[in-house]
């Protein structure tokens, strides 16, 4: 059997004393314990390192077992053998909640399925720096029958009708453009003789979906899976419960409940099938195999709306509205590599940025013109409500050398949003920045129809802005009121542009530029990634040779992925 290490000590010579060798020698170090075998010469044998995967422990029990390494010499096998749910709960209540050792929750990882939520809500759910998961792809799946989210319009039937008509029209156009673009691509790209018909159709349909996705509204239902630590989950649930969108708050409640209620057991049906064959009337075995597992009942019980986030959003939104009230949204290119700013200016500008629709440079210029005392007030707004256990807001992750202010279509943003090694400061959805149109749409003779669809969605979103039911605000006592554009955001197609601040180091700038310019990628983020590379190359010419990017100006064979 593999040897288990207990109470390791360090030795580096006989008699545990340093010996000065006659000639230079390499001295090796190894861990030994009281149970290690002793050679005939009196020296302990080198123990074997034990490495094993662990399976079958409930997440909170596993977290307790991992945490015990800090205070106990027991092996993981020994720790898990003596732990039960009650001991784990007591331990977590003491060390996690009372003593504030939050890193313990990093040791419990949990898988969740979140199905039939809107694309809008999905982008908020996954907006976590420490998040792993996967969402339905608009490239490989047909969203015609996905359905869509309908927010509460109270007794305003006219607004609800307008909303449904807008979404239904966008879905009808999505179907039309999917088929039209597929036919256009067939005519433009003949099937090679050596390529199977099935592969040909699958590849072209994916390319057609790359274009037709621009018509999908943010209300479109999607699904995602995530694997997160309990600590990330607690932060995520708290953040979702603090959101202004009712759908997102509801998702926070559902996630919290899913962590506390019995989890789905993939083996349940098979166990029930096999139990009669394994033992007769063995109730103990039956109860053990069919026991209900709750993945994080203790760690999630105090996940609540975050007053720090709610109040800070309210106050900085008001400050941004006041400071930028007379400033029209300035023009800005798709990608802007920002200049280095003094830290105080960067912090104040970033705080205001996330609660406006203005370019960063425009906000920075306003902030730079303020008295130092007023800049300090803005910075303080983002911290003054912070509680004892609150993490500092993301806007304070400052000082990165490479900061890109990016304005791109929502569909492309969803792809770029997956890069979690950088800091992302995200602005709200809006129609104020206009929309993108893939070149193939005009080539296929569909420009007029596309433009008409986008303008209709924009106009209807504007009308829905004014149709927010007052009872929605009254029902959420103690929280910020529903923003006037909350419901209208759902009818915005993915073609409309969204602004996000991406802050990163050089390694991440290289990674994104290289990965996202690849020929298999979507043309939207390919262009953005190449512009990021060009901006860095212009500012730091000596670094350009280290970027192994693909030139997006070169023609692409649609059938080679």
Protein backbone atom coordinates (compact mmCIF):
# COMPACT_ATOMS: atom_id res chain seq x y z
CA UNK A 1 0.00 0.00 0.00
CA UNK A 2 1.11 3.58 -0.54
CA UNK A 3 2.71 4.97 2.58
CA UNK A 4 0.81 7.74 4.39
CA UNK A 5 2.84 10.61 5.82
CA UNK A 6 2.25 11.78 9.38
CA UNK A 7 3.90 14.66 11.22
CA UNK A 8 6.68 15.21 8.67
CA UNK A 9 10.08 16.43 9.90
CA UNK A 10 13.03 17.65 7.88
CA UNK A 11 16.52 16.19 8.14
CA UNK A 12 19.62 16.88 6.12
CA UNK A 13 22.38 14.74 7.65
CA UNK A 14 22.94 12.00 10.16
CA UNK A 15 22.37 13.08 13.74
CA UNK A 16 20.17 15.92 12.32
CA UNK A 17 23.23 18.22 12.27
CA UNK A 18 24.74 20.02 9.31
CA UNK A 19 28.02 18.40 8.26
CA UNK A 20 30.56 20.39 6.29
CA UNK A 21 31.69 18.13 3.43
CA UNK A 22 35.29 17.89 2.26
CA UNK A 23 34.17 18.64 -1.28
CA UNK A 24 31.07 20.59 -2.45
CA UNK A 25 28.09 18.26 -2.47
CA UNK A 26 24.38 18.55 -3.18
CA UNK A 27 22.42 17.97 0.01
CA UNK A 28 18.94 16.50 -0.53
CA UNK A 29 15.97 16.97 1.75
CA UNK A 30 13.11 14.57 2.31
CA UNK A 31 10.21 14.18 4.68
CA UNK A 32 10.08 11.28 7.14
CA UNK A 33 7.78 10.24 9.93
CA UNK A 34 7.89 7.96 12.96
CA UNK A 35 6.44 5.12 10.86
CA UNK A 36 9.14 5.20 8.20
CA UNK A 37 11.29 2.09 7.87
CA UNK A 38 14.92 2.27 9.02
CA UNK A 39 17.75 0.94 6.90
CA UNK A 40 20.41 -1.32 8.41
CA UNK A 41 22.79 1.65 8.58
CA UNK A 42 20.37 3.54 10.82
CA UNK A 43 19.17 5.91 8.13
CA UNK A 44 15.42 6.17 7.43
CA UNK A 45 14.25 5.08 4.00
CA UNK A 46 12.86 7.78 1.72
CA UNK A 47 9.06 7.65 2.16
CA UNK A 48 6.78 7.31 -0.82
CA UNK A 49 4.68 10.38 -1.63
CA UNK A 50 0.99 9.55 -1.65
CA UNK A 51 -1.24 11.17 -4.28
CA UNK A 52 -4.86 10.19 -4.76
CA UNK A 53 -8.05 11.68 -6.12
CA UNK A 54 -11.04 12.01 -3.81
CA UNK A 55 -14.54 11.14 -4.94
CA UNK A 56 -17.85 10.77 -3.15
CA UNK A 57 -17.53 13.35 -0.38
CA UNK A 58 -20.27 15.96 -0.12
CA UNK A 59 -18.90 19.45 -0.95
CA UNK A 60 -19.10 20.83 2.59
CA UNK A 61 -17.62 17.65 4.07
CA UNK A 62 -14.83 17.83 1.48
CA UNK A 63 -14.16 21.47 2.42
CA UNK A 64 -13.88 20.46 6.09
CA UNK A 65 -11.52 17.63 5.22
CA UNK A 66 -9.30 19.94 3.18
CA UNK A 67 -9.33 22.63 5.87
CA UNK A 68 -8.15 20.13 8.49
CA UNK A 69 -4.77 19.95 6.77
CA UNK A 70 -4.09 23.33 8.38
CA UNK A 71 -4.57 22.11 11.97
CA UNK A 72 -4.20 18.33 11.83
CA UNK A 73 -1.55 15.80 10.81
CA UNK A 74 -4.21 13.34 9.70
CA UNK A 75 -4.30 12.17 6.11
CA UNK A 76 -7.27 13.05 3.94
CA UNK A 77 -8.50 9.47 4.18
CA UNK A 78 -8.40 9.64 7.96
CA UNK A 79 -10.05 13.05 8.13
CA UNK A 80 -12.90 12.09 5.84
CA UNK A 81 -13.45 8.84 7.69
CA UNK A 82 -14.22 10.67 10.93
CA UNK A 83 -16.21 13.57 9.47
CA UNK A 84 -19.97 13.63 9.12
CA UNK A 85 -22.42 16.32 8.04
CA UNK A 86 -23.04 17.48 11.61
CA UNK A 87 -19.33 17.93 12.34
CA UNK A 88 -18.85 19.78 9.05
CA UNK A 89 -21.74 22.11 9.80
CA UNK A 90 -20.40 22.88 13.29
CA UNK A 91 -16.91 23.51 11.91
CA UNK A 92 -18.16 25.83 9.17
CA UNK A 93 -20.39 27.76 11.55
CA UNK A 94 -17.40 28.40 13.80
CA UNK A 95 -14.52 29.02 11.43
CA UNK A 96 -16.32 30.38 8.36
CA UNK A 97 -19.04 32.53 9.88
CA UNK A 98 -17.71 33.42 13.34
CA UNK A 99 -13.99 33.70 12.61
CA UNK A 100 -14.35 34.83 9.01
CA UNK A 101 -12.02 32.24 7.43
CA UNK A 102 -13.68 32.61 4.03
CA UNK A 103 -11.01 30.66 2.15
CA UNK A 104 -12.53 27.47 3.58
CA UNK A 105 -15.44 27.86 1.15
CA UNK A 106 -12.94 27.83 -1.73
CA UNK A 107 -12.45 24.13 -0.98
CA UNK A 108 -16.05 23.12 -1.78
CA UNK A 109 -16.77 23.04 -5.51
CA UNK A 110 -20.30 22.59 -6.80
CA UNK A 111 -21.84 22.00 -10.23
CA UNK A 112 -25.11 23.68 -11.16
CA UNK A 113 -27.39 23.61 -14.18
CA UNK A 114 -29.27 26.86 -14.84
CA UNK A 115 -31.81 26.41 -17.62
CA UNK A 116 -34.29 28.66 -19.40
CA UNK A 117 -32.97 32.04 -18.34
CA UNK A 118 -32.67 35.03 -20.63
CA UNK A 119 -29.43 35.92 -22.40
CA UNK A 120 -29.54 39.20 -20.49
CA UNK A 121 -29.68 37.38 -17.15
CA UNK A 122 -27.03 34.89 -18.26
CA UNK A 123 -24.48 37.64 -18.87
CA UNK A 124 -25.10 38.87 -15.32
CA UNK A 125 -24.93 35.39 -13.79
CA UNK A 126 -21.54 34.62 -15.35
CA UNK A 127 -20.02 38.02 -14.52
CA UNK A 128 -17.75 36.50 -11.87
CA UNK A 129 -13.92 36.67 -11.95
CA UNK A 130 -13.67 33.15 -10.52
CA UNK A 131 -16.18 31.24 -12.65
CA UNK A 132 -16.05 28.12 -14.81
CA UNK A 133 -18.90 27.06 -17.03
CA UNK A 134 -20.43 26.79 -20.45
CA UNK A 135 -23.48 28.35 -22.12
CA UNK A 136 -25.55 27.42 -25.16
CA UNK A 137 -23.82 28.53 -28.34
CA UNK A 138 -25.59 30.78 -30.83
CA UNK A 139 -23.29 29.31 -33.48
CA UNK A 140 -24.08 25.63 -33.05
CA UNK A 141 -27.68 25.74 -31.89
CA UNK A 142 -30.87 26.99 -33.50
CA UNK A 143 -32.64 29.33 -31.07
CA UNK A 144 -35.94 29.44 -32.98
CA UNK A 145 -37.80 27.41 -30.37
CA UNK A 146 -35.95 28.59 -27.27
CA UNK A 147 -38.73 30.84 -26.05
CA UNK A 148 -38.14 34.11 -24.23
CA UNK A 149 -38.51 35.83 -20.89
CA UNK A 150 -41.45 38.15 -20.24
CA UNK A 151 -41.00 40.61 -17.36
CA UNK A 152 -43.82 41.81 -15.16
CA UNK A 153 -45.78 44.69 -16.70
CA UNK A 154 -48.37 44.77 -13.95
CA UNK A 155 -51.74 45.80 -15.34
CA UNK A 156 -50.24 47.59 -18.36
CA UNK A 157 -51.58 45.27 -21.07
CA UNK A 158 -50.56 47.66 -23.85
CA UNK A 159 -46.88 47.52 -22.76
CA UNK A 160 -46.99 43.74 -22.47
CA UNK A 161 -48.52 43.45 -25.93
CA UNK A 162 -45.92 45.77 -27.44
CA UNK A 163 -43.18 43.75 -25.75
CA UNK A 164 -44.45 40.42 -27.08
CA UNK A 165 -44.99 41.79 -30.59
CA UNK A 166 -41.44 43.13 -30.64
CA UNK A 167 -39.90 39.85 -29.49
CA UNK A 168 -42.06 37.73 -31.78
CA UNK A 169 -41.09 39.88 -34.74
CA UNK A 170 -37.39 39.53 -33.92
CA UNK A 171 -37.72 35.76 -33.71
CA UNK A 172 -39.55 35.67 -37.04
CA UNK A 173 -36.74 37.72 -38.59
CA UNK A 174 -34.13 35.47 -36.96
CA UNK A 175 -35.75 32.47 -38.68
CA UNK A 176 -35.94 34.30 -42.00
CA UNK A 177 -32.34 35.52 -41.91
CA UNK A 178 -31.05 32.09 -40.81
CA UNK A 179 -32.52 30.47 -43.93
CA UNK A 180 -31.65 33.34 -46.27
CA UNK A 181 -28.03 33.48 -45.11
CA UNK A 182 -27.68 29.71 -45.35
CA UNK A 183 -28.87 29.84 -48.95
CA UNK A 184 -26.55 32.78 -49.67
CA UNK A 185 -23.57 30.88 -48.25
CA UNK A 186 -24.44 27.76 -50.26
CA UNK A 187 -24.37 29.81 -53.46
CA UNK A 188 -21.14 31.51 -52.49
CA UNK A 189 -19.33 28.41 -51.18
CA UNK A 190 -19.74 25.25 -53.28
CA UNK A 191 -19.22 21.90 -51.57
CA UNK A 192 -15.82 20.33 -52.24
CA UNK A 193 -16.07 16.88 -53.75
CA UNK A 194 -14.22 15.28 -50.85
CA UNK A 195 -16.43 16.86 -48.19
CA UNK A 196 -19.45 14.96 -46.87
CA UNK A 197 -22.81 16.64 -47.37
CA UNK A 198 -23.59 16.48 -43.65
CA UNK A 199 -20.35 18.23 -42.69
CA UNK A 200 -20.88 20.82 -45.42
CA UNK A 201 -24.39 21.67 -44.23
CA UNK A 202 -23.36 21.73 -40.58
CA UNK A 203 -20.46 24.09 -41.25
CA UNK A 204 -22.45 26.51 -43.40
CA UNK A 205 -25.38 26.52 -40.98
CA UNK A 206 -23.02 27.50 -38.17
CA UNK A 207 -21.74 30.37 -40.30
CA UNK A 208 -25.31 31.39 -41.09
CA UNK A 209 -26.14 31.42 -37.35
CA UNK A 210 -23.10 33.64 -36.81
CA UNK A 211 -24.93 36.24 -38.89
CA UNK A 212 -28.55 35.68 -37.88
CA UNK A 213 -27.70 35.82 -34.17
CA UNK A 214 -27.57 39.60 -34.54
CA UNK A 215 -31.38 39.56 -34.56
CA UNK A 216 -31.84 37.58 -31.35
CA UNK A 217 -33.18 39.75 -28.49
CA UNK A 218 -31.70 39.75 -25.01
CA UNK A 219 -34.96 38.15 -23.81
CA UNK A 220 -34.04 34.91 -25.64
CA UNK A 221 -33.91 31.90 -23.36
CA UNK A 222 -30.60 30.11 -22.97
CA UNK A 223 -29.10 27.57 -20.56
CA UNK A 224 -25.74 27.26 -18.85
CA UNK A 225 -23.79 25.04 -16.50
CA UNK A 226 -21.33 26.26 -13.91
CA UNK A 227 -18.80 24.79 -11.51
CA UNK A 228 -17.87 27.22 -8.76
CA UNK A 229 -16.50 27.20 -5.26
CA UNK A 230 -18.95 27.80 -2.43
CA UNK A 231 -17.23 31.13 -1.79
CA UNK A 232 -17.79 32.27 -5.36
CA UNK A 233 -21.34 30.94 -5.14
CA UNK A 234 -22.05 32.96 -2.01
CA UNK A 235 -20.73 36.13 -3.67
CA UNK A 236 -22.67 35.33 -6.83
CA UNK A 237 -25.96 34.73 -5.03
CA UNK A 238 -25.55 37.91 -2.98
CA UNK A 239 -24.80 39.90 -6.13
CA UNK A 240 -27.77 38.46 -8.02
CA UNK A 241 -30.11 39.17 -5.10
CA UNK A 242 -28.91 42.79 -5.23
CA UNK A 243 -29.55 43.30 -8.96
CA UNK A 244 -32.15 45.70 -10.36
CA UNK A 245 -33.66 43.07 -12.68
CA UNK A 246 -36.44 40.99 -11.13
CA UNK A 247 -35.45 37.95 -13.20
CA UNK A 248 -31.89 38.13 -11.91
CA UNK A 249 -32.99 38.47 -8.29
CA UNK A 250 -35.21 35.43 -8.79
CA UNK A 251 -32.21 33.50 -10.14
CA UNK A 252 -30.30 34.39 -6.98
CA UNK A 253 -33.10 32.90 -4.91
CA UNK A 254 -33.19 29.75 -7.06
CA UNK A 255 -29.42 29.25 -6.80
CA UNK A 256 -29.51 29.66 -3.03
CA UNK A 257 -32.38 27.19 -2.80
CA UNK A 258 -30.64 24.68 -5.09
CA UNK A 259 -27.59 24.73 -2.81
CA UNK A 260 -29.73 23.93 0.23
CA UNK A 261 -32.22 21.44 -1.21
CA UNK A 262 -31.48 17.85 -2.31
CA UNK A 263 -29.28 17.82 -5.41
CA UNK A 264 -30.06 15.90 -8.58
CA UNK A 265 -28.40 12.47 -8.38
CA UNK A 266 -27.54 11.07 -11.79
CA UNK A 267 -27.29 7.56 -10.31
CA UNK A 268 -30.64 7.57 -8.51
CA UNK A 269 -32.63 5.63 -11.12
CA UNK A 270 -29.91 3.00 -11.58
CA UNK A 271 -29.58 2.50 -7.83
CA UNK A 272 -33.30 1.97 -7.47
CA UNK A 273 -33.16 -0.54 -10.30
CA UNK A 274 -30.29 -2.51 -8.79
CA UNK A 275 -31.19 -2.39 -5.11
CA UNK A 276 -33.62 -5.33 -5.20
CA UNK A 277 -30.90 -7.45 -6.76
CA UNK A 278 -28.23 -6.51 -4.21
CA UNK A 279 -29.95 -7.27 -0.93
CA UNK A 280 -33.32 -8.22 0.44
CA UNK A 281 -34.89 -5.87 2.94
CA UNK A 282 -31.59 -4.14 3.67
CA UNK A 283 -32.99 -0.80 4.76
CA UNK A 284 -29.63 0.55 5.93
CA UNK A 285 -28.11 -0.04 2.52
CA UNK A 286 -31.12 1.50 0.82
CA UNK A 287 -31.00 4.62 2.96
CA UNK A 288 -27.26 5.05 2.41
CA UNK A 289 -27.41 4.69 -1.36
CA UNK A 290 -30.51 6.86 -1.76
CA UNK A 291 -29.68 9.51 0.82
CA UNK A 292 -30.32 13.10 -0.18
CA UNK A 293 -27.26 15.30 -0.68
CA UNK A 294 -27.42 19.04 -0.10
CA UNK A 295 -24.37 20.64 -1.64
CA UNK A 296 -23.97 23.76 0.51
CA UNK A 297 -26.74 24.04 3.13
CA UNK A 298 -24.49 25.70 5.70
CA UNK A 299 -22.39 27.98 3.50
CA UNK A 300 -25.42 29.39 1.69
CA UNK A 301 -27.74 30.04 4.61
CA UNK A 302 -26.55 33.61 5.13
CA UNK A 303 -26.34 34.64 1.46
CA UNK A 304 -28.42 37.81 1.32
CA UNK A 305 -28.73 40.97 -0.81
CA UNK A 306 -25.60 43.07 -0.45
CA UNK A 307 -26.37 46.49 1.03
CA UNK A 308 -22.90 47.73 0.09
CA UNK A 309 -23.50 47.00 -3.59
CA UNK A 310 -27.08 48.32 -3.58
CA UNK A 311 -26.33 51.61 -1.86
CA UNK A 312 -23.09 52.19 -3.76
CA UNK A 313 -24.85 51.68 -7.09
CA UNK A 314 -27.56 54.13 -6.08
CA UNK A 315 -25.12 56.84 -4.99
CA UNK A 316 -22.63 56.56 -7.85
CA UNK A 317 -25.43 56.39 -10.41
CA UNK A 318 -26.69 59.70 -9.03
CA UNK A 319 -23.18 61.18 -9.08
CA UNK A 320 -22.60 60.07 -12.69
CA UNK A 321 -25.96 61.49 -13.76
CA UNK A 322 -25.11 64.83 -12.16
CA UNK A 323 -21.58 65.12 -13.52
CA UNK A 324 -22.45 63.98 -17.05
CA UNK A 325 -25.92 65.51 -17.29
CA UNK A 326 -24.97 68.05 -19.96
CA UNK A 327 -22.50 65.85 -21.82
CA UNK A 328 -23.72 64.06 -24.93
CA UNK A 329 -22.17 60.64 -25.41
CA UNK A 330 -18.95 61.27 -27.29
CA UNK A 331 -17.75 59.43 -30.36
CA UNK A 332 -15.16 56.71 -29.84
CA UNK A 333 -13.58 53.99 -31.99
CA UNK A 334 -14.30 50.30 -31.51
CA UNK A 335 -11.11 49.81 -29.46
CA UNK A 336 -9.23 52.44 -27.50
CA UNK A 337 -5.99 51.61 -25.67
CA UNK A 338 -6.05 54.13 -22.86
CA UNK A 339 -3.22 56.26 -21.56
CA UNK A 340 -1.88 55.78 -18.05
CA UNK A 341 -3.71 57.93 -15.50
CA UNK A 342 -2.88 59.02 -11.98
CA UNK A 343 -4.46 56.45 -9.67
CA UNK A 344 -7.03 58.83 -8.18
CA UNK A 345 -8.24 59.86 -11.63
CA UNK A 346 -8.43 56.23 -12.81
CA UNK A 347 -10.44 55.18 -9.75
CA UNK A 348 -12.94 58.04 -9.95
CA UNK A 349 -13.36 57.72 -13.72
CA UNK A 350 -13.85 53.94 -13.52
CA UNK A 351 -16.49 54.24 -10.81
CA UNK A 352 -18.48 56.68 -12.95
CA UNK A 353 -17.88 54.70 -16.14
CA UNK A 354 -19.86 51.63 -15.09
CA UNK A 355 -22.97 53.69 -14.36
CA UNK A 356 -22.97 55.70 -17.59
CA UNK A 357 -22.81 55.10 -21.35
CA UNK A 358 -19.96 57.52 -22.06
CA UNK A 359 -16.48 56.58 -23.33
CA UNK A 360 -13.80 56.33 -20.67
CA UNK A 361 -11.70 59.17 -22.09
CA UNK A 362 -14.67 61.52 -21.99
CA UNK A 363 -15.32 60.66 -18.36
CA UNK A 364 -11.62 60.86 -17.53
CA UNK A 365 -11.46 64.40 -18.92
CA UNK A 366 -14.43 65.42 -16.77
CA UNK A 367 -12.84 63.85 -13.68
CA UNK A 368 -9.45 65.44 -14.39
CA UNK A 369 -11.14 68.84 -14.41
CA UNK A 370 -12.67 68.38 -10.94
CA UNK A 371 -11.09 69.69 -7.75
CA UNK A 372 -9.07 67.06 -5.90
CA UNK A 373 -11.59 67.11 -3.06
CA UNK A 374 -14.45 66.18 -5.41
CA UNK A 375 -12.45 63.31 -6.91
CA UNK A 376 -11.83 62.05 -3.40
CA UNK A 377 -15.56 62.22 -2.69
CA UNK A 378 -16.28 60.02 -5.71
CA UNK A 379 -13.66 57.48 -4.61
CA UNK A 380 -15.11 57.49 -1.11
CA UNK A 381 -18.62 56.86 -2.46
CA UNK A 382 -17.48 53.45 -3.63
CA UNK A 383 -16.13 52.44 -0.22
CA UNK A 384 -18.09 54.20 2.49
CA UNK A 385 -20.87 51.59 2.61
CA UNK A 386 -18.50 48.63 2.72
CA UNK A 387 -19.26 46.16 5.50
CA UNK A 388 -16.89 44.00 7.49
CA UNK A 389 -17.01 41.02 5.12
CA UNK A 390 -17.59 42.86 1.82
CA UNK A 391 -14.99 42.56 -0.89
CA UNK A 392 -13.82 45.86 -2.34
CA UNK A 393 -15.80 46.72 -5.49
CA UNK A 394 -14.31 45.64 -8.82
CA UNK A 395 -13.74 49.23 -9.93
CA UNK A 396 -10.88 49.44 -7.42
CA UNK A 397 -8.91 46.74 -9.26
CA UNK A 398 -6.69 49.40 -10.77
CA UNK A 399 -3.19 50.02 -12.04
CA UNK A 400 -3.09 47.69 -15.06
CA UNK A 401 -0.87 48.85 -17.90
CA UNK A 402 -3.20 47.70 -20.70
CA UNK A 403 -6.71 49.15 -20.46
CA UNK A 404 -8.99 48.85 -23.47
CA UNK A 405 -12.28 50.71 -23.79
CA UNK A 406 -14.19 48.48 -26.20
CA UNK A 407 -17.46 49.25 -27.98
CA UNK A 408 -18.78 46.16 -29.79
CA UNK A 409 -21.96 44.27 -30.58
CA UNK A 410 -23.60 42.46 -27.66
CA UNK A 411 -23.14 39.06 -29.31
CA UNK A 412 -19.40 39.61 -29.63
CA UNK A 413 -19.22 40.98 -26.09
CA UNK A 414 -20.65 37.69 -24.79
CA UNK A 415 -17.65 35.91 -26.32
CA UNK A 416 -15.11 38.42 -24.97
CA UNK A 417 -16.82 38.33 -21.58
CA UNK A 418 -15.40 34.82 -21.04
CA UNK A 419 -11.89 36.16 -20.47
CA UNK A 420 -11.71 36.20 -16.68
CA UNK A 421 -8.00 36.83 -16.24
CA UNK A 422 -8.70 40.48 -16.88
CA UNK A 423 -10.82 43.01 -15.00
CA UNK A 424 -14.05 43.91 -16.81
CA UNK A 425 -16.06 47.01 -15.97
CA UNK A 426 -19.37 46.55 -17.76
CA UNK A 427 -21.86 49.24 -18.75
CA UNK A 428 -25.61 48.59 -19.03
CA UNK A 429 -27.34 47.57 -22.26
CA UNK A 430 -28.62 50.41 -24.40
CA UNK A 431 -29.57 51.32 -27.98
CA UNK A 432 -27.66 54.61 -27.70
CA UNK A 433 -24.55 53.33 -29.49
CA UNK A 434 -26.32 52.02 -32.59
CA UNK A 435 -25.87 48.54 -34.05
CA UNK A 436 -23.51 46.53 -36.23
CA UNK A 437 -24.41 44.90 -39.53
CA UNK A 438 -22.41 41.99 -40.97
CA UNK A 439 -21.23 42.69 -44.52
CA UNK A 440 -22.86 39.49 -45.80
CA UNK A 441 -26.34 40.91 -45.10
CA UNK A 442 -25.94 43.68 -47.66
CA UNK A 443 -24.24 41.26 -50.07
CA UNK A 444 -27.30 39.01 -49.82
CA UNK A 445 -29.62 41.94 -50.59
CA UNK A 446 -31.09 42.07 -47.06
CA UNK A 447 -29.77 45.42 -45.85
CA UNK A 448 -33.13 47.22 -46.01
CA UNK A 449 -34.99 44.51 -44.13
CA UNK A 450 -32.25 44.28 -41.50
CA UNK A 451 -32.17 48.03 -40.96
CA UNK A 452 -35.95 48.19 -40.67
CA UNK A 453 -35.93 45.41 -38.06
CA UNK A 454 -33.29 47.14 -35.96
CA UNK A 455 -35.00 50.52 -36.08
CA UNK A 456 -38.31 48.96 -35.11
CA UNK A 457 -36.69 47.28 -32.10
CA UNK A 458 -34.98 50.53 -31.11
CA UNK A 459 -38.22 52.51 -31.32
CA UNK A 460 -40.21 49.95 -29.35
CA UNK A 461 -37.51 49.83 -26.68
CA UNK A 462 -37.84 53.59 -26.35
CA UNK A 463 -41.61 53.30 -25.87
CA UNK A 464 -41.20 50.55 -23.28
CA UNK A 465 -38.88 52.81 -21.27
CA UNK A 466 -41.90 54.85 -20.24
CA UNK A 467 -44.12 51.88 -19.37
CA UNK A 468 -42.63 50.64 -16.09
CA UNK A 469 -45.33 49.62 -13.59
CA UNK A 470 -45.12 51.56 -10.32
CA UNK A 471 -45.96 48.46 -8.28
CA UNK A 472 -42.67 46.88 -9.38
CA UNK A 473 -40.81 49.61 -7.49
CA UNK A 474 -43.10 49.45 -4.47
CA UNK A 475 -42.75 45.67 -4.16
CA UNK A 476 -38.98 45.77 -3.66
CA UNK A 477 -38.84 47.72 -0.43
CA UNK A 478 -35.37 48.68 0.74
CA UNK A 479 -33.78 48.16 -2.64
CA UNK A 480 -33.05 50.57 -5.49
CA UNK A 481 -36.00 51.29 -7.78
CA UNK A 482 -36.35 49.54 -11.10
CA UNK A 483 -34.32 51.40 -13.69
CA UNK A 484 -36.52 52.96 -16.38
CA UNK A 485 -34.90 50.86 -19.08
CA UNK A 486 -34.93 47.49 -17.28
CA UNK A 487 -37.75 45.94 -19.28
CA UNK A 488 -36.87 47.66 -22.52
CA UNK A 489 -33.38 46.09 -22.39
CA UNK A 490 -34.91 42.67 -23.09
CA UNK A 491 -36.07 43.68 -26.58
CA UNK A 492 -32.63 44.91 -27.64
CA UNK A 493 -31.15 42.64 -30.35
CA UNK A 494 -27.59 41.33 -30.03
CA UNK A 495 -26.59 43.58 -32.94
CA UNK A 496 -26.63 46.68 -30.73
CA UNK A 497 -23.35 47.85 -29.29
CA UNK A 498 -22.24 47.68 -25.69
CA UNK A 499 -19.30 49.37 -24.00
CA UNK A 500 -16.93 47.55 -21.62
CA UNK A 501 -13.61 48.45 -20.03
CA UNK A 502 -11.10 45.56 -20.19
CA UNK A 503 -8.04 45.96 -17.92
CA UNK A 504 -5.19 43.45 -18.14
CA UNK A 505 -1.48 42.72 -18.18
CA UNK A 506 0.63 42.09 -21.29
CA UNK A 507 0.27 38.31 -21.09
CA UNK A 508 -3.52 38.54 -21.26
CA UNK A 509 -3.37 41.08 -24.10
CA UNK A 510 -1.23 38.63 -26.07
CA UNK A 511 -3.50 35.70 -25.20
CA UNK A 512 -6.74 37.42 -26.25
CA UNK A 513 -5.20 38.82 -29.44
CA UNK A 514 -3.81 35.46 -30.50
CA UNK A 515 -6.82 33.34 -29.55
CA UNK A 516 -9.55 35.62 -30.83
CA UNK A 517 -7.99 36.43 -34.22
CA UNK A 518 -8.00 32.76 -35.25
CA UNK A 519 -9.81 31.95 -38.49
CA UNK A 520 -12.36 29.72 -36.75
CA UNK A 521 -13.61 32.59 -34.61
CA UNK A 522 -16.56 34.90 -35.12
CA UNK A 523 -15.72 37.89 -37.30
CA UNK A 524 -16.94 40.31 -34.61
CA UNK A 525 -14.42 39.46 -31.93
CA UNK A 526 -11.74 38.65 -34.53
CA UNK A 527 -11.82 42.29 -35.58
CA UNK A 528 -11.80 43.55 -31.99
CA UNK A 529 -8.87 41.32 -31.01
CA UNK A 530 -6.88 42.48 -34.03
CA UNK A 531 -7.58 46.12 -33.17
CA UNK A 532 -6.29 45.41 -29.66
CA UNK A 533 -3.08 44.04 -31.16
CA UNK A 534 -2.70 47.04 -33.49
CA UNK A 535 -3.22 49.46 -30.59
CA UNK A 536 -0.49 47.77 -28.55
CA UNK A 537 1.84 47.59 -31.56
CA UNK A 538 1.40 51.32 -32.18
CA UNK A 539 2.05 52.29 -28.58
CA UNK A 540 4.80 49.72 -27.91
CA UNK A 541 6.37 48.88 -31.30
CA UNK A 542 9.05 46.68 -29.74
CA UNK A 543 6.38 44.35 -28.35
CA UNK A 544 4.53 43.76 -31.63
CA UNK A 545 6.75 40.85 -32.68
CA UNK A 546 5.67 38.84 -29.63
CA UNK A 547 2.01 38.71 -30.75
CA UNK A 548 1.34 35.64 -32.92
CA UNK A 549 -1.90 37.00 -34.34
CA UNK A 550 -3.77 36.03 -37.48
CA UNK A 551 -4.29 38.91 -39.91
CA UNK A 552 -8.07 39.30 -40.08
CA UNK A 553 -7.77 41.09 -43.41
CA UNK A 554 -6.80 37.84 -45.10
CA UNK A 555 -9.69 35.94 -46.76
CA UNK A 556 -11.15 33.02 -44.80
CA UNK A 557 -12.26 29.67 -46.19
CA UNK A 558 -15.65 29.21 -44.54
CA UNK A 559 -15.36 25.44 -44.76
CA UNK A 560 -12.08 25.21 -42.85
CA UNK A 561 -12.70 25.49 -39.14
